[in-house]
Amino acid sequence: MINNPNQTGTNRDSTVEQELNELRHHYEQLRDRKVRTEQDVANLTAQLETLKQQAMAEYGTSDIKELQTLLEEKRLQNEEVVAKYRQHIQQIQADLASVENAVEGGR
């Protein structure tokens, strides 16, 4: 068996070159991911600013706690309106039943 140090060096060089290529590829993927993430952050920041301006225009605030309070107030108002409407419908049903009973009783 002949010991060839150049052959061993070639194998080592190939291994290092292969690893370097893999690392470059990985770096490029990470760089692309970073660029996409930065673009996403910029887009989301712009959307957030637009939504804050819209909230200010429509509700007078963009503060999340104040908006949650306003939402809860609106929910309570809606529940009250629905309850009143339910009572109104029930009254109409009762009045209609009265009229129907009077008509049937008069026959």
PDB file of N, CA and C in Angstrom:
ATOM      1  N   MET A   1       0.841  -1.165   0.000  1.00  0.00           N
ATOM      2  CA  MET A   1       0.000   0.000   0.000  1.00  0.00           C
ATOM      3  C   MET A   1       0.892   1.236   0.000  1.00  0.00           C
ATOM      4  N   ILE A   2       0.628   2.110  -0.900  1.00  0.00           N
ATOM      5  CA  ILE A   2       1.418   3.336  -1.002  1.00  0.00           C
ATOM      6  C   ILE A   2       0.633   4.454  -0.348  1.00  0.00           C
ATOM      7  N   ASN A   3       1.267   5.156   0.533  1.00  0.00           N
ATOM      8  CA  ASN A   3       0.632   6.277   1.217  1.00  0.00           C
ATOM      9  C   ASN A   3       0.819   7.514   0.347  1.00  0.00           C
ATOM     10  N   ASN A   4      -0.298   8.087  -0.115  1.00  0.00           N
ATOM     11  CA  ASN A   4      -0.234   9.254  -1.002  1.00  0.00           C
ATOM     12  C   ASN A   4      -0.849  10.451  -0.276  1.00  0.00           C
ATOM     13  N   PRO A   5      -0.036  11.300   0.270  1.00  0.00           N
ATOM     14  CA  PRO A   5      -0.569  12.455   1.012  1.00  0.00           C
ATOM     15  C   PRO A   5      -1.334  13.407   0.114  1.00  0.00           C
ATOM     16  N   ASN A   6      -1.020  13.473  -1.152  1.00  0.00           N
ATOM     17  CA  ASN A   6      -1.748  14.365  -2.059  1.00  0.00           C
ATOM     18  C   ASN A   6      -3.181  13.890  -2.258  1.00  0.00           C
ATOM     19  N   GLN A   7      -3.380  12.596  -2.333  1.00  0.00           N
ATOM     20  CA  GLN A   7      -4.723  12.051  -2.488  1.00  0.00           C
ATOM     21  C   GLN A   7      -5.570  12.384  -1.263  1.00  0.00           C
ATOM     22  N   THR A   8      -5.005  12.235  -0.104  1.00  0.00           N
ATOM     23  CA  THR A   8      -5.706  12.555   1.127  1.00  0.00           C
ATOM     24  C   THR A   8      -6.049  14.036   1.153  1.00  0.00           C
ATOM     25  N   GLY A   9      -5.098  14.848   0.741  1.00  0.00           N
ATOM     26  CA  GLY A   9      -5.341  16.286   0.687  1.00  0.00           C
ATOM     27  C   GLY A   9      -6.443  16.621  -0.300  1.00  0.00           C
ATOM     28  N   THR A  10      -6.510  15.932  -1.410  1.00  0.00           N
ATOM     29  CA  THR A  10      -7.556  16.169  -2.403  1.00  0.00           C
ATOM     30  C   THR A  10      -8.926  15.831  -1.830  1.00  0.00           C
ATOM     31  N   ASN A  11      -9.003  14.742  -1.101  1.00  0.00           N
ATOM     32  CA  ASN A  11     -10.267  14.373  -0.462  1.00  0.00           C
ATOM     33  C   ASN A  11     -10.676  15.423   0.563  1.00  0.00           C
ATOM     34  N   ARG A  12      -9.742  15.866   1.333  1.00  0.00           N
ATOM     35  CA  ARG A  12     -10.038  16.909   2.326  1.00  0.00           C
ATOM     36  C   ARG A  12     -10.475  18.190   1.641  1.00  0.00           C
ATOM     37  N   ASP A  13      -9.764  18.544   0.569  1.00  0.00           N
ATOM     38  CA  ASP A  13     -10.135  19.753  -0.174  1.00  0.00           C
ATOM     39  C   ASP A  13     -11.542  19.634  -0.751  1.00  0.00           C
ATOM     40  N   SER A  14     -11.867  18.478  -1.282  1.00  0.00           N
ATOM     41  CA  SER A  14     -13.206  18.262  -1.849  1.00  0.00           C
ATOM     42  C   SER A  14     -14.277  18.369  -0.776  1.00  0.00           C
ATOM     43  N   THR A  15     -13.984  17.805   0.380  1.00  0.00           N
ATOM     44  CA  THR A  15     -14.938  17.861   1.490  1.00  0.00           C
ATOM     45  C   THR A  15     -15.155  19.298   1.933  1.00  0.00           C
ATOM     46  N   VAL A  16     -14.062  20.031   2.059  1.00  0.00           N
ATOM     47  CA  VAL A  16     -14.162  21.437   2.469  1.00  0.00           C
ATOM     48  C   VAL A  16     -14.891  22.242   1.404  1.00  0.00           C
ATOM     49  N   GLU A  17     -14.596  21.993   0.140  1.00  0.00           N
ATOM     50  CA  GLU A  17     -15.255  22.718  -0.946  1.00  0.00           C
ATOM     51  C   GLU A  17     -16.752  22.412  -0.983  1.00  0.00           C
ATOM     52  N   GLN A  18     -17.098  21.153  -0.761  1.00  0.00           N
ATOM     53  CA  GLN A  18     -18.512  20.769  -0.734  1.00  0.00           C
ATOM     54  C   GLN A  18     -19.230  21.450   0.426  1.00  0.00           C
ATOM     55  N   GLU A  19     -18.584  21.449   1.583  1.00  0.00           N
ATOM     56  CA  GLU A  19     -19.197  22.106   2.740  1.00  0.00           C
ATOM     57  C   GLU A  19     -19.337  23.606   2.501  1.00  0.00           C
ATOM     58  N   LEU A  20     -18.321  24.205   1.899  1.00  0.00           N
ATOM     59  CA  LEU A  20     -18.378  25.627   1.588  1.00  0.00           C
ATOM     60  C   LEU A  20     -19.535  25.930   0.647  1.00  0.00           C
ATOM     61  N   ASN A  21     -19.730  25.107  -0.367  1.00  0.00           N
ATOM     62  CA  ASN A  21     -20.848  25.299  -1.299  1.00  0.00           C
ATOM     63  C   ASN A  21     -22.191  25.168  -0.591  1.00  0.00           C
ATOM     64  N   GLU A  22     -22.287  24.200   0.305  1.00  0.00           N
ATOM     65  CA  GLU A  22     -23.527  24.028   1.075  1.00  0.00           C
ATOM     66  C   GLU A  22     -23.781  25.235   1.970  1.00  0.00           C
ATOM     67  N   LEU A  23     -22.724  25.730   2.580  1.00  0.00           N
ATOM     68  CA  LEU A  23     -22.864  26.906   3.443  1.00  0.00           C
ATOM     69  C   LEU A  23     -23.256  28.142   2.639  1.00  0.00           C
ATOM     70  N   ARG A  24     -22.679  28.288   1.452  1.00  0.00           N
ATOM     71  CA  ARG A  24     -23.062  29.414   0.585  1.00  0.00           C
ATOM     72  C   ARG A  24     -24.537  29.328   0.218  1.00  0.00           C
ATOM     73  N   HIS A  25     -24.958  28.127  -0.145  1.00  0.00           N
ATOM     74  CA  HIS A  25     -26.369  27.926  -0.504  1.00  0.00           C
ATOM     75  C   HIS A  25     -27.274  28.270   0.689  1.00  0.00           C
ATOM     76  N   HIS A  26     -26.882  27.788   1.860  1.00  0.00           N
ATOM     77  CA  HIS A  26     -27.660  28.076   3.069  1.00  0.00           C
ATOM     78  C   HIS A  26     -27.681  29.576   3.352  1.00  0.00           C
ATOM     79  N   TYR A  27     -26.543  30.235   3.182  1.00  0.00           N
ATOM     80  CA  TYR A  27     -26.460  31.682   3.377  1.00  0.00           C
ATOM     81  C   TYR A  27     -27.405  32.410   2.415  1.00  0.00           C
ATOM     82  N   GLU A  28     -27.421  32.008   1.158  1.00  0.00           N
ATOM     83  CA  GLU A  28     -28.303  32.632   0.172  1.00  0.00           C
ATOM     84  C   GLU A  28     -29.769  32.454   0.557  1.00  0.00           C
ATOM     85  N   GLN A  29     -30.107  31.264   1.035  1.00  0.00           N
ATOM     86  CA  GLN A  29     -31.483  31.036   1.496  1.00  0.00           C
ATOM     87  C   GLN A  29     -31.826  31.952   2.665  1.00  0.00           C
ATOM     88  N   LEU A  30     -30.906  32.063   3.597  1.00  0.00           N
ATOM     89  CA  LEU A  30     -31.142  32.942   4.752  1.00  0.00           C
ATOM     90  C   LEU A  30     -31.245  34.404   4.337  1.00  0.00           C
ATOM     91  N   ARG A  31     -30.392  34.812   3.396  1.00  0.00           N
ATOM     92  CA  ARG A  31     -30.433  36.190   2.904  1.00  0.00           C
ATOM     93  C   ARG A  31     -31.777  36.477   2.236  1.00  0.00           C
ATOM     94  N   ASP A  32     -32.243  35.536   1.404  1.00  0.00           N
ATOM     95  CA  ASP A  32     -33.540  35.701   0.743  1.00  0.00           C
ATOM     96  C   ASP A  32     -34.673  35.757   1.773  1.00  0.00           C
ATOM     97  N   ARG A  33     -34.561  34.895   2.772  1.00  0.00           N
ATOM     98  CA  ARG A  33     -35.576  34.882   3.838  1.00  0.00           C
ATOM     99  C   ARG A  33     -35.589  36.208   4.590  1.00  0.00           C
ATOM    100  N   LYS A  34     -34.392  36.739   4.844  1.00  0.00           N
ATOM    101  CA  LYS A  34     -34.275  38.027   5.540  1.00  0.00           C
ATOM    102  C   LYS A  34     -34.921  39.134   4.713  1.00  0.00           C
ATOM    103  N   VAL A  35     -34.655  39.140   3.413  1.00  0.00           N
ATOM    104  CA  VAL A  35     -35.231  40.173   2.538  1.00  0.00           C
ATOM    105  C   VAL A  35     -36.757  40.069   2.548  1.00  0.00           C
ATOM    106  N   ARG A  36     -37.283  38.833   2.424  1.00  0.00           N
ATOM    107  CA  ARG A  36     -38.741  38.648   2.447  1.00  0.00           C
ATOM    108  C   ARG A  36     -39.333  39.091   3.782  1.00  0.00           C
ATOM    109  N   THR A  37     -38.643  38.758   4.861  1.00  0.00           N
ATOM    110  CA  THR A  37     -39.129  39.142   6.190  1.00  0.00           C
ATOM    111  C   THR A  37     -39.133  40.654   6.354  1.00  0.00           C
ATOM    112  N   GLU A  38     -38.090  41.308   5.886  1.00  0.00           N
ATOM    113  CA  GLU A  38     -38.039  42.769   5.956  1.00  0.00           C
ATOM    114  C   GLU A  38     -39.163  43.391   5.134  1.00  0.00           C
ATOM    115  N   GLN A  39     -39.446  42.819   3.965  1.00  0.00           N
ATOM    116  CA  GLN A  39     -40.549  43.318   3.133  1.00  0.00           C
ATOM    117  C   GLN A  39     -41.884  43.108   3.838  1.00  0.00           C
ATOM    118  N   ASP A  40     -42.041  41.935   4.464  1.00  0.00           N
ATOM    119  CA  ASP A  40     -43.271  41.658   5.212  1.00  0.00           C
ATOM    120  C   ASP A  40     -43.457  42.649   6.350  1.00  0.00           C
ATOM    121  N   VAL A  41     -42.377  42.919   7.072  1.00  0.00           N
ATOM    122  CA  VAL A  41     -42.442  43.874   8.189  1.00  0.00           C
ATOM    123  C   VAL A  41     -42.825  45.257   7.669  1.00  0.00           C
ATOM    124  N   ALA A  42     -42.228  45.667   6.562  1.00  0.00           N
ATOM    125  CA  ALA A  42     -42.540  46.986   5.995  1.00  0.00           C
ATOM    126  C   ALA A  42     -44.000  47.043   5.564  1.00  0.00           C
ATOM    127  N   ASN A  43     -44.482  45.983   4.910  1.00  0.00           N
ATOM    128  CA  ASN A  43     -45.885  45.951   4.474  1.00  0.00           C
ATOM    129  C   ASN A  43     -46.831  45.958   5.661  1.00  0.00           C
ATOM    130  N   LEU A  44     -46.537  45.146   6.659  1.00  0.00           N
ATOM    131  CA  LEU A  44     -47.402  45.086   7.835  1.00  0.00           C
ATOM    132  C   LEU A  44     -47.379  46.396   8.624  1.00  0.00           C
ATOM    133  N   THR A  45     -46.239  47.042   8.673  1.00  0.00           N
ATOM    134  CA  THR A  45     -46.145  48.335   9.347  1.00  0.00           C
ATOM    135  C   THR A  45     -47.006  49.372   8.623  1.00  0.00           C
ATOM    136  N   ALA A  46     -46.954  49.360   7.299  1.00  0.00           N
ATOM    137  CA  ALA A  46     -47.778  50.293   6.521  1.00  0.00           C
ATOM    138  C   ALA A  46     -49.259  49.987   6.717  1.00  0.00           C
ATOM    139  N   GLN A  47     -49.622  48.708   6.735  1.00  0.00           N
ATOM    140  CA  GLN A  47     -51.026  48.326   6.956  1.00  0.00           C
ATOM    141  C   GLN A  47     -51.484  48.759   8.339  1.00  0.00           C
ATOM    142  N   LEU A  48     -50.625  48.575   9.329  1.00  0.00           N
ATOM    143  CA  LEU A  48     -50.966  48.975  10.689  1.00  0.00           C
ATOM    144  C   LEU A  48     -51.200  50.475  10.766  1.00  0.00           C
ATOM    145  N   GLU A  49     -50.356  51.235  10.113  1.00  0.00           N
ATOM    146  CA  GLU A  49     -50.510  52.690  10.119  1.00  0.00           C
ATOM    147  C   GLU A  49     -51.820  53.094   9.437  1.00  0.00           C
ATOM    148  N   THR A  50     -52.130  52.446   8.334  1.00  0.00           N
ATOM    149  CA  THR A  50     -53.389  52.717   7.630  1.00  0.00           C
ATOM    150  C   THR A  50     -54.582  52.400   8.525  1.00  0.00           C
ATOM    151  N   LEU A  51     -54.529  51.257   9.197  1.00  0.00           N
ATOM    152  CA  LEU A  51     -55.624  50.871  10.088  1.00  0.00           C
ATOM    153  C   LEU A  51     -55.751  51.814  11.287  1.00  0.00           C
ATOM    154  N   LYS A  52     -54.620  52.286  11.794  1.00  0.00           N
ATOM    155  CA  LYS A  52     -54.670  53.253  12.893  1.00  0.00           C
ATOM    156  C   LYS A  52     -55.344  54.542  12.437  1.00  0.00           C
ATOM    157  N   GLN A  53     -54.984  55.001  11.253  1.00  0.00           N
ATOM    158  CA  GLN A  53     -55.599  56.221  10.716  1.00  0.00           C
ATOM    159  C   GLN A  53     -57.094  56.008  10.490  1.00  0.00           C
ATOM    160  N   GLN A  54     -57.454  54.850   9.987  1.00  0.00           N
ATOM    161  CA  GLN A  54     -58.869  54.535   9.756  1.00  0.00           C
ATOM    162  C   GLN A  54     -59.631  54.491  11.085  1.00  0.00           C
ATOM    163  N   ALA A  55     -59.036  53.881  12.089  1.00  0.00           N
ATOM    164  CA  ALA A  55     -59.670  53.820  13.404  1.00  0.00           C
ATOM    165  C   ALA A  55     -59.832  55.215  13.992  1.00  0.00           C
ATOM    166  N   MET A  56     -58.825  56.051  13.829  1.00  0.00           N
ATOM    167  CA  MET A  56     -58.931  57.426  14.317  1.00  0.00           C
ATOM    168  C   MET A  56     -60.061  58.165  13.618  1.00  0.00           C
ATOM    169  N   ALA A  57     -60.167  57.977  12.317  1.00  0.00           N
ATOM    170  CA  ALA A  57     -61.200  58.671  11.548  1.00  0.00           C
ATOM    171  C   ALA A  57     -62.600  58.164  11.923  1.00  0.00           C
ATOM    172  N   GLU A  58     -62.739  56.867  12.105  1.00  0.00           N
ATOM    173  CA  GLU A  58     -64.067  56.294  12.354  1.00  0.00           C
ATOM    174  C   GLU A  58     -64.472  56.316  13.826  1.00  0.00           C
ATOM    175  N   TYR A  59     -63.502  56.116  14.719  1.00  0.00           N
ATOM    176  CA  TYR A  59     -63.850  55.952  16.129  1.00  0.00           C
ATOM    177  C   TYR A  59     -63.206  56.978  17.054  1.00  0.00           C
ATOM    178  N   GLY A  60     -62.352  57.824  16.514  1.00  0.00           N
ATOM    179  CA  GLY A  60     -61.724  58.854  17.322  1.00  0.00           C
ATOM    180  C   GLY A  60     -60.555  58.368  18.155  1.00  0.00           C
ATOM    181  N   THR A  61     -60.161  57.132  17.975  1.00  0.00           N
ATOM    182  CA  THR A  61     -59.022  56.586  18.706  1.00  0.00           C
ATOM    183  C   THR A  61     -58.453  55.397  17.939  1.00  0.00           C
ATOM    184  N   SER A  62     -57.177  55.132  18.183  1.00  0.00           N
ATOM    185  CA  SER A  62     -56.574  53.922  17.641  1.00  0.00           C
ATOM    186  C   SER A  62     -56.016  53.069  18.778  1.00  0.00           C
ATOM    187  N   ASP A  63     -56.292  53.492  20.004  1.00  0.00           N
ATOM    188  CA  ASP A  63     -55.851  52.744  21.177  1.00  0.00           C
ATOM    189  C   ASP A  63     -56.668  51.465  21.308  1.00  0.00           C
ATOM    190  N   ILE A  64     -56.000  50.327  21.403  1.00  0.00           N
ATOM    191  CA  ILE A  64     -56.680  49.034  21.405  1.00  0.00           C
ATOM    192  C   ILE A  64     -57.644  48.887  22.585  1.00  0.00           C
ATOM    193  N   LYS A  65     -57.266  49.375  23.751  1.00  0.00           N
ATOM    194  CA  LYS A  65     -58.146  49.256  24.921  1.00  0.00           C
ATOM    195  C   LYS A  65     -59.405  50.111  24.742  1.00  0.00           C
ATOM    196  N   GLU A  66     -59.232  51.298  24.216  1.00  0.00           N
ATOM    197  CA  GLU A  66     -60.389  52.153  23.971  1.00  0.00           C
ATOM    198  C   GLU A  66     -61.291  51.540  22.897  1.00  0.00           C
ATOM    199  N   LEU A  67     -60.694  50.967  21.874  1.00  0.00           N
ATOM    200  CA  LEU A  67     -61.484  50.314  20.828  1.00  0.00           C
ATOM    201  C   LEU A  67     -62.238  49.102  21.375  1.00  0.00           C
ATOM    202  N   GLN A  68     -61.594  48.349  22.267  1.00  0.00           N
ATOM    203  CA  GLN A  68     -62.273  47.215  22.890  1.00  0.00           C
ATOM    204  C   GLN A  68     -63.446  47.684  23.752  1.00  0.00           C
ATOM    205  N   THR A  69     -63.272  48.803  24.447  1.00  0.00           N
ATOM    206  CA  THR A  69     -64.352  49.367  25.255  1.00  0.00           C
ATOM    207  C   THR A  69     -65.511  49.803  24.357  1.00  0.00           C
ATOM    208  N   LEU A  70     -65.178  50.463  23.244  1.00  0.00           N
ATOM    209  CA  LEU A  70     -66.222  50.867  22.302  1.00  0.00           C
ATOM    210  C   LEU A  70     -66.949  49.657  21.730  1.00  0.00           C
ATOM    211  N   LEU A  71     -66.210  48.621  21.419  1.00  0.00           N
ATOM    212  CA  LEU A  71     -66.820  47.407  20.885  1.00  0.00           C
ATOM    213  C   LEU A  71     -67.767  46.787  21.904  1.00  0.00           C
ATOM    214  N   GLU A  72     -67.361  46.743  23.138  1.00  0.00           N
ATOM    215  CA  GLU A  72     -68.224  46.184  24.180  1.00  0.00           C
ATOM    216  C   GLU A  72     -69.490  47.024  24.350  1.00  0.00           C
ATOM    217  N   GLU A  73     -69.346  48.343  24.286  1.00  0.00           N
ATOM    218  CA  GLU A  73     -70.522  49.217  24.370  1.00  0.00           C
ATOM    219  C   GLU A  73     -71.479  48.938  23.218  1.00  0.00           C
ATOM    220  N   LYS A  74     -70.938  48.777  22.013  1.00  0.00           N
ATOM    221  CA  LYS A  74     -71.780  48.492  20.837  1.00  0.00           C
ATOM    222  C   LYS A  74     -72.463  47.143  20.984  1.00  0.00           C
ATOM    223  N   ARG A  75     -71.754  46.163  21.516  1.00  0.00           N
ATOM    224  CA  ARG A  75     -72.359  44.850  21.727  1.00  0.00           C
ATOM    225  C   ARG A  75     -73.525  44.938  22.704  1.00  0.00           C
ATOM    226  N   LEU A  76     -73.326  45.684  23.783  1.00  0.00           N
ATOM    227  CA  LEU A  76     -74.395  45.852  24.765  1.00  0.00           C
ATOM    228  C   LEU A  76     -75.599  46.557  24.146  1.00  0.00           C
ATOM    229  N   GLN A  77     -75.334  47.580  23.334  1.00  0.00           N
ATOM    230  CA  GLN A  77     -76.425  48.277  22.650  1.00  0.00           C
ATOM    231  C   GLN A  77     -77.167  47.331  21.711  1.00  0.00           C
ATOM    232  N   ASN A  78     -76.416  46.516  20.976  1.00  0.00           N
ATOM    233  CA  ASN A  78     -77.049  45.563  20.055  1.00  0.00           C
ATOM    234  C   ASN A  78     -77.899  44.548  20.808  1.00  0.00           C
ATOM    235  N   GLU A  79     -77.396  44.067  21.922  1.00  0.00           N
ATOM    236  CA  GLU A  79     -78.160  43.124  22.730  1.00  0.00           C
ATOM    237  C   GLU A  79     -79.447  43.757  23.226  1.00  0.00           C
ATOM    238  N   GLU A  80     -79.385  45.024  23.622  1.00  0.00           N
ATOM    239  CA  GLU A  80     -80.576  45.738  24.093  1.00  0.00           C
ATOM    240  C   GLU A  80     -81.600  45.906  22.963  1.00  0.00           C
ATOM    241  N   VAL A  81     -81.120  46.273  21.784  1.00  0.00           N
ATOM    242  CA  VAL A  81     -82.005  46.444  20.634  1.00  0.00           C
ATOM    243  C   VAL A  81     -82.669  45.115  20.273  1.00  0.00           C
ATOM    244  N   VAL A  82     -81.898  44.038  20.292  1.00  0.00           N
ATOM    245  CA  VAL A  82     -82.446  42.718  19.973  1.00  0.00           C
ATOM    246  C   VAL A  82     -83.483  42.316  21.019  1.00  0.00           C
ATOM    247  N   ALA A  83     -83.215  42.589  22.282  1.00  0.00           N
ATOM    248  CA  ALA A  83     -84.173  42.248  23.344  1.00  0.00           C
ATOM    249  C   ALA A  83     -85.479  43.019  23.159  1.00  0.00           C
ATOM    250  N   LYS A  84     -85.379  44.306  22.826  1.00  0.00           N
ATOM    251  CA  LYS A  84     -86.589  45.105  22.591  1.00  0.00           C
ATOM    252  C   LYS A  84     -87.348  44.594  21.381  1.00  0.00           C
ATOM    253  N   TYR A  85     -86.622  44.212  20.336  1.00  0.00           N
ATOM    254  CA  TYR A  85     -87.265  43.697  19.123  1.00  0.00           C
ATOM    255  C   TYR A  85     -87.949  42.367  19.426  1.00  0.00           C
ATOM    256  N   ARG A  86     -87.295  41.524  20.229  1.00  0.00           N
ATOM    257  CA  ARG A  86     -87.893  40.255  20.632  1.00  0.00           C
ATOM    258  C   ARG A  86     -89.198  40.494  21.386  1.00  0.00           C
ATOM    259  N   GLN A  87     -89.188  41.452  22.308  1.00  0.00           N
ATOM    260  CA  GLN A  87     -90.401  41.782  23.067  1.00  0.00           C
ATOM    261  C   GLN A  87     -91.489  42.287  22.126  1.00  0.00           C
ATOM    262  N   HIS A  88     -91.114  43.098  21.159  1.00  0.00           N
ATOM    263  CA  HIS A  88     -92.070  43.631  20.188  1.00  0.00           C
ATOM    264  C   HIS A  88     -92.708  42.491  19.392  1.00  0.00           C
ATOM    265  N   ILE A  89     -91.896  41.569  18.925  1.00  0.00           N
ATOM    266  CA  ILE A  89     -92.409  40.422  18.162  1.00  0.00           C
ATOM    267  C   ILE A  89     -93.328  39.575  19.040  1.00  0.00           C
ATOM    268  N   GLN A  90     -92.932  39.356  20.273  1.00  0.00           N
ATOM    269  CA  GLN A  90     -93.759  38.578  21.188  1.00  0.00           C
ATOM    270  C   GLN A  90     -95.102  39.261  21.430  1.00  0.00           C
ATOM    271  N   GLN A  91     -95.078  40.586  21.538  1.00  0.00           N
ATOM    272  CA  GLN A  91     -96.327  41.325  21.729  1.00  0.00           C
ATOM    273  C   GLN A  91     -97.219  41.203  20.506  1.00  0.00           C
ATOM    274  N   ILE A  92     -96.617  41.296  19.322  1.00  0.00           N
ATOM    275  CA  ILE A  92     -97.387  41.134  18.078  1.00  0.00           C
ATOM    276  C   ILE A  92     -98.000  39.744  18.032  1.00  0.00           C
ATOM    277  N   GLN A  93     -97.223  38.720  18.403  1.00  0.00           N
ATOM    278  CA  GLN A  93     -97.753  37.357  18.412  1.00  0.00           C
ATOM    279  C   GLN A  93     -98.913  37.223  19.396  1.00  0.00           C
ATOM    280  N   ALA A  94     -98.767  37.834  20.558  1.00  0.00           N
ATOM    281  CA  ALA A  94     -99.827  37.771  21.569  1.00  0.00           C
ATOM    282  C   ALA A  94    -101.072  38.492  21.071  1.00  0.00           C
ATOM    283  N   ASP A  95    -100.899  39.679  20.468  1.00  0.00           N
ATOM    284  CA  ASP A  95    -102.042  40.427  19.939  1.00  0.00           C
ATOM    285  C   ASP A  95    -102.723  39.652  18.814  1.00  0.00           C
ATOM    286  N   LEU A  96    -101.925  39.035  17.949  1.00  0.00           N
ATOM    287  CA  LEU A  96    -102.470  38.256  16.849  1.00  0.00           C
ATOM    288  C   LEU A  96    -103.244  37.053  17.383  1.00  0.00           C
ATOM    289  N   ALA A  97    -102.690  36.402  18.380  1.00  0.00           N
ATOM    290  CA  ALA A  97    -103.387  35.257  18.983  1.00  0.00           C
ATOM    291  C   ALA A  97    -104.699  35.712  19.590  1.00  0.00           C
ATOM    292  N   SER A  98    -104.734  36.892  20.205  1.00  0.00           N
ATOM    293  CA  SER A  98    -105.963  37.439  20.787  1.00  0.00           C
ATOM    294  C   SER A  98    -107.016  37.663  19.720  1.00  0.00           C
ATOM    295  N   VAL A  99    -106.578  38.268  18.606  1.00  0.00           N
ATOM    296  CA  VAL A  99    -107.508  38.537  17.512  1.00  0.00           C
ATOM    297  C   VAL A  99    -108.027  37.229  16.937  1.00  0.00           C
ATOM    298  N   GLU A 100    -107.152  36.260  16.742  1.00  0.00           N
ATOM    299  CA  GLU A 100    -107.559  34.981  16.189  1.00  0.00           C
ATOM    300  C   GLU A 100    -108.540  34.275  17.127  1.00  0.00           C
ATOM    301  N   ASN A 101    -108.286  34.362  18.432  1.00  0.00           N
ATOM    302  CA  ASN A 101    -109.189  33.741  19.413  1.00  0.00           C
ATOM    303  C   ASN A 101    -110.537  34.441  19.402  1.00  0.00           C
ATOM    304  N   ALA A 102    -110.524  35.786  19.257  1.00  0.00           N
ATOM    305  CA  ALA A 102    -111.783  36.521  19.228  1.00  0.00           C
ATOM    306  C   ALA A 102    -112.575  36.154  17.991  1.00  0.00           C
ATOM    307  N   VAL A 103    -111.919  36.016  16.856  1.00  0.00           N
ATOM    308  CA  VAL A 103    -112.580  35.679  15.594  1.00  0.00           C
ATOM    309  C   VAL A 103    -113.139  34.259  15.688  1.00  0.00           C
ATOM    310  N   GLU A 104    -112.351  33.342  16.202  1.00  0.00           N
ATOM    311  CA  GLU A 104    -112.791  31.950  16.306  1.00  0.00           C
ATOM    312  C   GLU A 104    -113.909  31.816  17.342  1.00  0.00           C
ATOM    313  N   GLY A 105    -113.836  32.604  18.395  1.00  0.00           N
ATOM    314  CA  GLY A 105    -114.871  32.558  19.432  1.00  0.00           C
ATOM    315  C   GLY A 105    -116.187  33.148  18.935  1.00  0.00           C
ATOM    316  N   GLY A 106    -116.128  34.057  17.977  1.00  0.00           N
ATOM    317  CA  GLY A 106    -117.321  34.700  17.454  1.00  0.00           C
ATOM    318  C   GLY A 106    -118.003  33.871  16.384  1.00  0.00           C
ATOM    319  N   ARG A 107    -117.461  32.815  15.958  1.00  0.00           N
ATOM    320  CA  ARG A 107    -118.069  31.988  14.909  1.00  0.00           C
ATOM    321  C   ARG A 107    -119.128  31.108  15.424  1.00  0.00           C
TER     322      ARG A 107
END
